[in-house]
Amino acid sequence: MDLLVTVDRNYLHPLAVMLKSFACSNEGSHTVYILNRKLTQEDVDALSSVLCEPRLKLIYYPIREPAVSEAPTSGRYPIEIYDRIFAAHYLPETLDRVLYLDPDLVVLHSLDDLWNLDMGEYWFAAASHVKKIGEVFNAVRLEAETIGPYINSGVMLMNLDLLRRYQKTGPVLVYVKEHEHSLMLPDQDIISALYGEHILSIDPYIYNMTDRMLNAQQMLPDSPVTAEWVEQNSRIVHYLGRSKPWKKNYQGRLGYLYRRYEAMLEQGSAQ
């Protein structure tokens, strides 16, 4: 598999945990492309040393592209979030697809089925955490041309061939400038609003499971979705929002999975 991550120094440790979980759950050798504006090769070398996973080849891709320099950002949403939108224009043309993964998640099982998904003419494959009525609300809020899935951008399979052929940076920047005051989660707002008809929906319970979804299921009578079900069935657990298992105020029920791989990372580094 070819993985894509965009990260800053504050998330290097969670990224190492995520990559450790991926390596533990997926056989074979894989390449990880690290798109970034501020990291150095020394940072990536240090990450590789901590990770200590020879089956993962880390490739550093520094970005010096000023095209999105005026896009809205904040401490929670740095400029790097826009780099994943335009990833097809940065990555090697030899790649026909790439799997983007946020650093604040863990991979529990093989992702071969996701990687080999038939995307047809779709540009992205991603999961939504929003019900149909929420999709209508977001389409109105974002002035989207079509009502499509409102995705979570933390896990995205990207069809690089089609993105290179059809995606333009200009419409994205125009849209951002015209809607910057209504964008709440800029990257997934943009992708959902502009590319809704080009998104293939995947199962969030399998590929983008969260503490919130687990809590919601636990309120339903006779729901089979428990922490044990998640551990056995979900391929990916995503710690989205402000509550993270490496923070003191974390109150979720799935943090033990993150800590499991963090312990493996620390054990490997100590050897």
Protein backbone atom coordinates (compact mmCIF):
# COMPACT_ATOMS: atom_id res chain seq x y z
CA MET A 1 0.00 0.00 0.00
CA ASP A 2 0.95 3.62 -0.47
CA LEU A 3 -0.06 5.76 2.50
CA LEU A 4 -0.30 9.53 2.75
CA VAL A 5 -0.02 11.61 5.92
CA THR A 6 0.13 15.35 6.54
CA VAL A 7 1.38 16.25 9.99
CA ASP A 8 3.19 18.84 12.07
CA ARG A 9 5.65 18.33 14.94
CA ASN A 10 2.88 18.32 17.57
CA TYR A 11 1.50 15.09 16.11
CA LEU A 12 4.70 13.16 15.46
CA HIS A 13 4.18 10.86 18.45
CA PRO A 14 0.55 10.00 17.59
CA LEU A 15 1.68 9.50 13.99
CA ALA A 16 4.31 7.01 15.18
CA VAL A 17 1.63 5.14 17.15
CA MET A 18 -0.69 5.11 14.13
CA LEU A 19 2.03 3.78 11.85
CA LYS A 20 2.98 1.15 14.44
CA SER A 21 -0.64 -0.02 14.52
CA PHE A 22 -0.75 -0.13 10.72
CA ALA A 23 2.47 -2.17 10.56
CA CYS A 24 1.18 -4.61 13.16
CA SER A 25 -2.08 -5.09 11.27
CA ASN A 26 -0.87 -5.27 7.66
CA GLU A 27 1.61 -7.71 6.17
CA GLY A 28 4.16 -6.82 3.54
CA SER A 29 6.11 -3.66 2.77
CA HIS A 30 4.47 -0.27 2.41
CA THR A 31 5.43 3.29 1.53
CA VAL A 32 4.40 6.30 3.60
CA TYR A 33 4.47 9.70 1.91
CA ILE A 34 4.78 12.56 4.40
CA LEU A 35 3.58 15.86 2.92
CA ASN A 36 4.66 18.79 5.04
CA ARG A 37 5.68 22.44 5.04
CA LYS A 38 7.60 22.68 8.33
CA LEU A 39 9.16 19.31 9.12
CA THR A 40 12.76 18.58 8.24
CA GLN A 41 14.37 15.43 6.94
CA GLU A 42 15.90 15.10 10.41
CA ASP A 43 12.38 14.99 11.91
CA VAL A 44 11.42 12.20 9.53
CA ASP A 45 14.63 10.30 10.24
CA ALA A 46 13.91 10.56 13.97
CA LEU A 47 10.36 9.31 13.37
CA SER A 48 11.71 6.35 11.42
CA SER A 49 14.16 5.57 14.20
CA VAL A 50 11.42 5.64 16.87
CA LEU A 51 9.07 3.60 14.70
CA CYS A 52 11.69 0.94 14.00
CA GLU A 53 9.61 -0.70 11.27
CA PRO A 54 11.77 -1.74 8.28
CA ARG A 55 8.64 -2.71 6.31
CA LEU A 56 7.52 0.92 6.26
CA LYS A 57 9.45 3.20 3.94
CA LEU A 58 9.01 6.84 4.94
CA ILE A 59 9.36 9.36 2.12
CA TYR A 60 9.48 13.05 3.02
CA TYR A 61 7.78 15.45 0.60
CA PRO A 62 8.41 19.08 1.60
CA ILE A 63 5.83 21.46 0.10
CA ARG A 64 6.70 24.97 -0.98
CA GLU A 65 3.43 25.70 -2.81
CA PRO A 66 2.00 29.16 -2.04
CA ALA A 67 -1.33 28.58 -3.81
CA VAL A 68 -3.31 28.06 -0.59
CA SER A 69 -1.42 30.48 1.63
CA GLU A 70 -4.54 32.64 2.08
CA ALA A 71 -6.88 29.77 2.94
CA PRO A 72 -8.49 30.04 6.41
CA THR A 73 -6.51 28.29 9.12
CA SER A 74 -6.39 28.05 12.90
CA GLY A 75 -4.39 26.25 15.54
CA ARG A 76 -6.74 23.29 15.18
CA TYR A 77 -6.80 23.41 11.38
CA PRO A 78 -3.30 24.21 10.07
CA ILE A 79 -2.44 24.92 6.45
CA GLU A 80 -1.46 21.27 6.02
CA ILE A 81 -5.10 20.21 5.84
CA TYR A 82 -5.31 21.72 2.35
CA ASP A 83 -2.32 19.71 1.17
CA ARG A 84 -4.33 16.49 1.30
CA ILE A 85 -6.94 18.05 -1.02
CA PHE A 86 -4.27 18.70 -3.65
CA ALA A 87 -2.18 15.59 -2.87
CA ALA A 88 -2.55 14.24 -6.40
CA HIS A 89 -0.63 17.25 -7.72
CA TYR A 90 2.31 16.61 -5.38
CA LEU A 91 2.71 12.84 -5.31
CA PRO A 92 4.65 10.85 -7.94
CA GLU A 93 2.75 10.26 -11.17
CA THR A 94 3.63 6.58 -10.89
CA LEU A 95 1.02 6.27 -8.12
CA ASP A 96 -2.55 5.65 -9.25
CA ARG A 97 -4.05 5.70 -5.76
CA VAL A 98 -3.07 6.53 -2.20
CA LEU A 99 -4.69 5.94 1.20
CA TYR A 100 -4.74 9.03 3.39
CA LEU A 101 -4.77 8.41 7.16
CA ASP A 102 -4.97 10.95 9.96
CA PRO A 103 -2.36 10.55 12.72
CA ASP A 104 -5.05 10.40 15.44
CA LEU A 105 -6.27 6.90 14.65
CA VAL A 106 -5.23 3.28 15.03
CA VAL A 107 -5.49 0.43 12.53
CA LEU A 108 -6.77 -2.78 14.09
CA HIS A 109 -6.94 -5.12 11.08
CA SER A 110 -5.74 -5.47 7.50
CA LEU A 111 -6.80 -2.71 5.12
CA ASP A 112 -6.33 -4.84 2.01
CA ASP A 113 -10.06 -4.81 1.24
CA LEU A 114 -10.16 -1.01 1.39
CA TRP A 115 -6.98 -0.64 -0.63
CA ASN A 116 -8.32 -2.95 -3.36
CA LEU A 117 -11.74 -1.30 -3.47
CA ASP A 118 -13.08 -0.79 -7.00
CA MET A 119 -13.42 2.99 -7.18
CA GLY A 120 -14.70 3.13 -10.74
CA GLU A 121 -15.05 6.80 -11.68
CA TYR A 122 -15.08 8.04 -8.08
CA TRP A 123 -12.30 10.41 -6.95
CA PHE A 124 -12.51 9.66 -3.22
CA ALA A 125 -13.73 6.82 -1.03
CA ALA A 126 -14.53 7.94 2.52
CA ALA A 127 -16.98 7.43 5.39
CA SER A 128 -19.62 9.82 6.69
CA HIS A 129 -20.61 10.31 10.33
CA VAL A 130 -23.61 12.43 9.33
CA LYS A 131 -27.19 11.22 8.85
CA LYS A 132 -29.19 12.11 5.74
CA ILE A 133 -30.83 15.15 7.33
CA GLY A 134 -27.37 16.37 8.28
CA GLU A 135 -26.22 16.00 4.70
CA VAL A 136 -29.06 18.26 3.58
CA PHE A 137 -28.17 20.83 6.26
CA ASN A 138 -24.50 20.79 5.27
CA ALA A 139 -25.33 21.05 1.58
CA VAL A 140 -27.35 24.21 2.31
CA ARG A 141 -24.70 25.62 4.65
CA LEU A 142 -21.94 25.01 2.12
CA GLU A 143 -24.01 25.98 -0.93
CA ALA A 144 -23.10 22.67 -2.51
CA GLU A 145 -24.28 22.00 -6.06
CA THR A 146 -25.39 18.48 -5.16
CA ILE A 147 -26.38 16.76 -1.90
CA GLY A 148 -23.76 14.09 -1.37
CA PRO A 149 -22.13 12.39 1.60
CA TYR A 150 -20.61 14.75 4.15
CA ILE A 151 -17.40 12.85 4.76
CA ASN A 152 -14.91 12.64 7.56
CA SER A 153 -11.59 13.31 5.86
CA GLY A 154 -9.48 11.34 8.34
CA VAL A 155 -9.59 8.23 6.16
CA MET A 156 -9.69 8.69 2.39
CA LEU A 157 -8.78 6.44 -0.49
CA MET A 158 -7.83 8.81 -3.31
CA ASN A 159 -8.06 8.04 -7.03
CA LEU A 160 -4.95 9.93 -8.11
CA ASP A 161 -5.36 9.25 -11.83
CA LEU A 162 -8.76 10.94 -11.97
CA LEU A 163 -7.77 13.74 -9.60
CA ARG A 164 -4.79 14.62 -11.78
CA ARG A 165 -7.03 14.63 -14.82
CA TYR A 166 -9.95 16.66 -13.51
CA GLN A 167 -9.09 18.48 -10.26
CA LYS A 168 -8.15 22.16 -10.48
CA THR A 169 -6.79 24.31 -7.69
CA GLY A 170 -8.54 27.49 -8.86
CA PRO A 171 -12.15 26.49 -8.04
CA VAL A 172 -11.08 25.32 -4.58
CA LEU A 173 -9.40 28.62 -3.73
CA VAL A 174 -12.33 30.63 -5.10
CA TYR A 175 -14.72 28.54 -3.03
CA VAL A 176 -12.63 28.99 0.12
CA LYS A 177 -12.47 32.75 -0.34
CA GLU A 178 -16.25 33.01 -0.89
CA HIS A 179 -17.18 30.70 2.00
CA GLU A 180 -14.41 31.10 4.56
CA HIS A 181 -16.82 32.40 7.24
CA SER A 182 -19.12 29.39 6.90
CA LEU A 183 -16.42 26.71 6.85
CA MET A 184 -16.41 24.78 10.12
CA LEU A 185 -14.09 21.89 9.22
CA PRO A 186 -12.36 23.36 6.17
CA ASP A 187 -10.90 20.32 4.42
CA GLN A 188 -13.94 18.07 4.66
CA ASP A 189 -16.28 21.02 4.05
CA ILE A 190 -14.44 21.71 0.80
CA ILE A 191 -14.24 18.08 -0.35
CA SER A 192 -17.88 17.39 0.52
CA ALA A 193 -19.17 20.60 -1.09
CA LEU A 194 -17.16 20.51 -4.31
CA TYR A 195 -16.74 16.79 -4.92
CA GLY A 196 -19.89 15.24 -3.42
CA GLU A 197 -20.88 13.41 -6.60
CA HIS A 198 -17.35 12.00 -6.89
CA ILE A 199 -17.27 10.40 -3.42
CA LEU A 200 -17.81 6.68 -2.87
CA SER A 201 -19.23 6.03 0.62
CA ILE A 202 -17.63 3.38 2.83
CA ASP A 203 -18.87 1.94 6.13
CA PRO A 204 -17.90 4.21 9.07
CA TYR A 205 -18.30 1.36 11.59
CA ILE A 206 -15.61 -0.56 9.74
CA TYR A 207 -13.27 2.13 8.42
CA ASN A 208 -13.80 5.19 10.63
CA MET A 209 -15.15 4.06 13.99
CA THR A 210 -15.27 6.59 16.84
CA ASP A 211 -16.02 6.86 20.54
CA ARG A 212 -19.06 8.98 19.70
CA MET A 213 -20.50 6.26 17.49
CA LEU A 214 -19.90 3.66 20.18
CA ASN A 215 -21.63 5.82 22.81
CA ALA A 216 -24.60 6.37 20.50
CA GLN A 217 -24.92 2.63 19.87
CA GLN A 218 -24.78 1.86 23.59
CA MET A 219 -27.93 3.97 24.06
CA LEU A 220 -29.87 1.72 21.67
CA PRO A 221 -31.56 -1.43 23.02
CA ASP A 222 -29.98 -4.70 21.88
CA SER A 223 -27.25 -3.00 19.84
CA PRO A 224 -24.46 -5.47 19.02
CA VAL A 225 -21.87 -2.67 18.86
CA THR A 226 -19.72 -2.84 21.99
CA ALA A 227 -16.05 -2.14 22.60
CA GLU A 228 -15.45 -5.85 22.03
CA TRP A 229 -17.35 -5.69 18.72
CA VAL A 230 -15.23 -2.73 17.66
CA GLU A 231 -12.01 -4.56 18.47
CA GLN A 232 -13.10 -7.58 16.44
CA ASN A 233 -14.77 -5.87 13.47
CA SER A 234 -13.61 -2.29 12.98
CA ARG A 235 -10.52 -1.90 10.82
CA ILE A 236 -9.87 1.67 11.97
CA VAL A 237 -10.67 3.56 15.18
CA HIS A 238 -10.47 7.34 14.81
CA TYR A 239 -10.09 9.61 17.84
CA LEU A 240 -11.63 12.66 16.26
CA GLY A 241 -12.40 15.96 17.96
CA ARG A 242 -10.58 17.48 20.91
CA SER A 243 -10.72 14.38 23.12
CA LYS A 244 -7.55 12.39 22.44
CA PRO A 245 -6.32 9.30 24.31
CA TRP A 246 -2.90 10.88 24.89
CA LYS A 247 -4.49 13.83 26.73
CA LYS A 248 -5.42 13.90 30.41
CA ASN A 249 -9.03 14.93 29.75
CA TYR A 250 -9.76 11.96 27.47
CA GLN A 251 -12.97 10.21 28.53
CA GLY A 252 -13.62 7.81 25.66
CA ARG A 253 -13.92 4.05 25.91
CA LEU A 254 -11.61 3.08 23.06
CA GLY A 255 -8.42 4.71 24.28
CA TYR A 256 -7.06 1.37 25.46
CA LEU A 257 -6.51 0.45 21.81
CA TYR A 258 -4.30 3.50 21.27
CA ARG A 259 -2.39 2.75 24.48
CA ARG A 260 -1.85 -0.84 23.34
CA TYR A 261 0.02 0.27 20.22
CA GLU A 262 1.76 3.06 22.08
CA ALA A 263 3.17 0.43 24.46
CA MET A 264 4.35 -1.62 21.47
CA LEU A 265 6.03 1.47 20.05
CA GLU A 266 7.81 2.23 23.30
CA GLN A 267 8.84 -1.38 23.75
CA GLY A 268 10.35 -1.48 20.28
CA SER A 269 12.20 1.79 20.82
CA ALA A 270 13.72 0.49 24.04
CA GLN A 271 15.21 -2.58 22.36
